């Protein structure tokens, strides 16, 4: 009968490889871990870039909406009084020409200034003897290679 020593039992135990193979990672394990790391970092960077572009687009859109609303309020503040003699009607397209050099009011650094064009359209939509005008303001702006339009519209009756 042969006696086993404790060192032989540990070295030949099931599930254990030789000591040399357990000291380091294999090349395949290293490459896979590097690939997972690179893909994770790529996803984080892509997400950051997307979020930055979306935030910039939202700032432009909100500034253009503000310009359109400002122009709409100017038309609402114009006088239109049918009871005066002579009749006063300042709500005409000639009083609100196209403005092509509106600066979008966004916080920027350096020379990154964006412009927009405001187009005001006033239509007479009177019906049934009631005077009524449709006021529509389009604010056209660009972001990157695309052109966008923010539109606001309202109806306007004469001053009472």
Protein backbone atom coordinates (compact mmCIF):
# COMPACT_ATOMS: atom_id res chain seq x y z
CA UNK A 1 0.00 0.00 0.00
CA UNK A 2 1.26 3.35 -1.06
CA UNK A 3 0.85 6.41 1.13
CA UNK A 4 0.01 9.74 -0.39
CA UNK A 5 1.51 12.90 0.88
CA UNK A 6 -0.56 16.04 1.37
CA UNK A 7 1.18 17.87 -1.50
CA UNK A 8 0.21 15.10 -3.92
CA UNK A 9 -3.40 15.27 -2.80
CA UNK A 10 -3.66 19.04 -3.43
CA UNK A 11 -1.91 18.93 -6.79
CA UNK A 12 -4.04 16.06 -8.08
CA UNK A 13 -7.36 17.24 -6.63
CA UNK A 14 -10.20 17.32 -9.18
CA UNK A 15 -11.04 20.78 -10.64
CA UNK A 16 -7.56 22.22 -10.17
CA UNK A 17 -5.25 22.83 -13.08
CA UNK A 18 -1.58 23.17 -12.90
CA UNK A 19 -0.27 26.12 -10.90
CA UNK A 20 1.26 27.80 -13.96
CA UNK A 21 -2.09 28.27 -15.78
CA UNK A 22 -3.71 29.95 -12.76
CA UNK A 23 -1.14 32.72 -12.39
CA UNK A 24 -2.24 35.01 -15.30
CA UNK A 25 -5.08 35.83 -17.68
CA UNK A 26 -5.09 34.35 -21.11
CA UNK A 27 -4.83 36.53 -24.19
CA UNK A 28 -8.47 35.83 -25.08
CA UNK A 29 -9.69 36.99 -21.65
CA UNK A 30 -7.65 40.19 -21.94
CA UNK A 31 -8.96 40.98 -25.42
CA UNK A 32 -12.58 40.36 -24.45
CA UNK A 33 -12.32 42.55 -21.35
CA UNK A 34 -10.71 45.32 -23.41
CA UNK A 35 -13.45 45.05 -26.05
CA UNK A 36 -16.18 45.31 -23.38
CA UNK A 37 -14.45 48.35 -21.86
CA UNK A 38 -14.07 50.11 -25.22
CA UNK A 39 -17.72 49.45 -26.13
CA UNK A 40 -18.89 50.74 -22.74
CA UNK A 41 -16.83 53.93 -23.05
CA UNK A 42 -18.04 54.39 -26.62
CA UNK A 43 -21.63 54.17 -25.42
CA UNK A 44 -21.04 56.73 -22.68
CA UNK A 45 -19.35 59.18 -25.07
CA UNK A 46 -22.07 58.72 -27.71
CA UNK A 47 -24.75 59.31 -25.09
CA UNK A 48 -23.04 62.48 -23.92
CA UNK A 49 -22.75 63.82 -27.47
CA UNK A 50 -26.41 63.03 -28.18
CA UNK A 51 -27.54 64.74 -24.96
CA UNK A 52 -25.46 67.82 -25.77
CA UNK A 53 -26.89 68.12 -29.28
CA UNK A 54 -30.42 67.64 -27.99
CA UNK A 55 -29.94 70.33 -25.34
CA UNK A 56 -28.58 72.75 -27.95
CA UNK A 57 -31.52 72.04 -30.27
CA UNK A 58 -33.96 72.58 -27.41
CA UNK A 59 -32.34 75.92 -26.58
CA UNK A 60 -32.65 77.07 -30.20
CA UNK A 61 -36.26 75.92 -30.39
CA UNK A 62 -37.23 77.69 -27.18
CA UNK A 63 -35.53 80.90 -28.30
CA UNK A 64 -37.33 80.76 -31.67
CA UNK A 65 -40.65 80.16 -29.91
CA UNK A 66 -39.96 83.20 -27.74
CA UNK A 67 -39.28 85.35 -30.83
CA UNK A 68 -42.51 84.17 -32.48
CA UNK A 69 -44.51 84.88 -29.33
CA UNK A 70 -42.91 88.32 -29.01
CA UNK A 71 -43.97 89.21 -32.56
CA UNK A 72 -47.48 87.88 -31.90
CA UNK A 73 -47.76 90.10 -28.83
CA UNK A 74 -46.69 93.10 -30.93
CA UNK A 75 -49.56 92.47 -33.33
CA UNK A 76 -52.00 92.03 -30.46
CA UNK A 77 -50.88 95.37 -29.02
CA UNK A 78 -51.53 97.24 -32.30
CA UNK A 79 -54.64 99.42 -32.42
CA UNK A 80 -57.70 98.30 -34.34
CA UNK A 81 -60.68 100.47 -33.44
CA UNK A 82 -63.73 100.49 -35.67
CA UNK A 83 -65.67 102.99 -33.49
CA UNK A 84 -63.23 105.87 -33.97
CA UNK A 85 -63.55 108.34 -36.75
CA UNK A 86 -61.55 107.79 -38.88
CA UNK A 87 -61.26 104.04 -38.28
CA UNK A 88 -57.87 103.01 -36.87
CA UNK A 89 -56.43 99.73 -38.18
CA UNK A 90 -52.75 99.13 -37.40
CA UNK A 91 -53.14 95.35 -37.67
CA UNK A 92 -51.94 95.12 -41.27
CA UNK A 93 -49.15 93.13 -42.86
CA UNK A 94 -47.39 96.36 -43.87
CA UNK A 95 -46.86 97.28 -40.21
CA UNK A 96 -45.15 93.96 -39.47
CA UNK A 97 -42.55 93.28 -42.19
CA UNK A 98 -40.34 90.21 -42.28
CA UNK A 99 -37.37 90.50 -39.92
CA UNK A 100 -34.40 88.42 -41.07
CA UNK A 101 -31.79 89.36 -38.46
CA UNK A 102 -33.32 88.23 -35.20
CA UNK A 103 -30.65 86.90 -32.86
CA UNK A 104 -31.74 83.80 -31.00
CA UNK A 105 -31.48 84.60 -27.31
CA UNK A 106 -29.45 81.65 -26.04
CA UNK A 107 -26.44 81.60 -23.74
CA UNK A 108 -23.38 81.17 -25.94
CA UNK A 109 -19.67 81.56 -25.56
CA UNK A 110 -17.45 83.00 -28.24
CA UNK A 111 -18.90 83.85 -31.62
CA UNK A 112 -21.51 81.11 -31.81
CA UNK A 113 -24.51 83.37 -32.52
CA UNK A 114 -27.62 81.98 -34.24
CA UNK A 115 -30.11 83.98 -36.29
CA UNK A 116 -33.77 83.51 -37.11
CA UNK A 117 -36.27 85.05 -39.52
CA UNK A 118 -39.72 86.16 -38.32
CA UNK A 119 -42.52 86.18 -40.90
CA UNK A 120 -45.88 87.69 -39.91
CA UNK A 121 -48.99 86.86 -41.94
CA UNK A 122 -52.27 88.70 -41.26
CA UNK A 123 -55.45 87.46 -42.97
CA UNK A 124 -58.96 88.92 -42.83
CA UNK A 125 -61.30 86.06 -41.91
CA UNK A 126 -64.43 88.12 -41.18
CA UNK A 127 -67.67 86.20 -41.50
CA UNK A 128 -71.28 86.98 -40.67
CA UNK A 129 -70.56 90.68 -40.26
CA UNK A 130 -68.09 90.19 -37.42
CA UNK A 131 -64.61 91.59 -38.12
CA UNK A 132 -61.89 89.07 -37.37
CA UNK A 133 -58.25 88.64 -38.38
CA UNK A 134 -56.00 85.60 -38.28
CA UNK A 135 -52.47 86.44 -37.17
CA UNK A 136 -49.77 83.85 -37.84
CA UNK A 137 -46.08 84.25 -37.02
CA UNK A 138 -43.46 81.84 -38.37
CA UNK A 139 -39.96 81.90 -36.93
CA UNK A 140 -37.50 80.09 -39.22
CA UNK A 141 -34.13 78.99 -37.81
CA UNK A 142 -31.47 76.43 -38.57
CA UNK A 143 -29.52 73.93 -36.54
CA UNK A 144 -26.74 72.12 -38.30
CA UNK A 145 -27.84 71.31 -41.83
CA UNK A 146 -31.62 71.40 -41.17
CA UNK A 147 -34.07 74.30 -41.16
CA UNK A 148 -36.91 74.41 -38.61
CA UNK A 149 -39.99 76.59 -38.21
CA UNK A 150 -41.80 77.53 -35.00
CA UNK A 151 -45.33 78.81 -35.64
CA UNK A 152 -47.84 80.59 -33.41
CA UNK A 153 -51.27 81.77 -34.51
CA UNK A 154 -54.24 83.55 -32.98
CA UNK A 155 -57.42 85.35 -33.93
CA UNK A 156 -57.83 89.05 -33.28
CA UNK A 157 -61.01 91.10 -32.99
CA UNK A 158 -61.13 94.92 -32.95
CA UNK A 159 -60.52 96.87 -29.75
CA UNK A 160 -63.67 97.19 -27.62
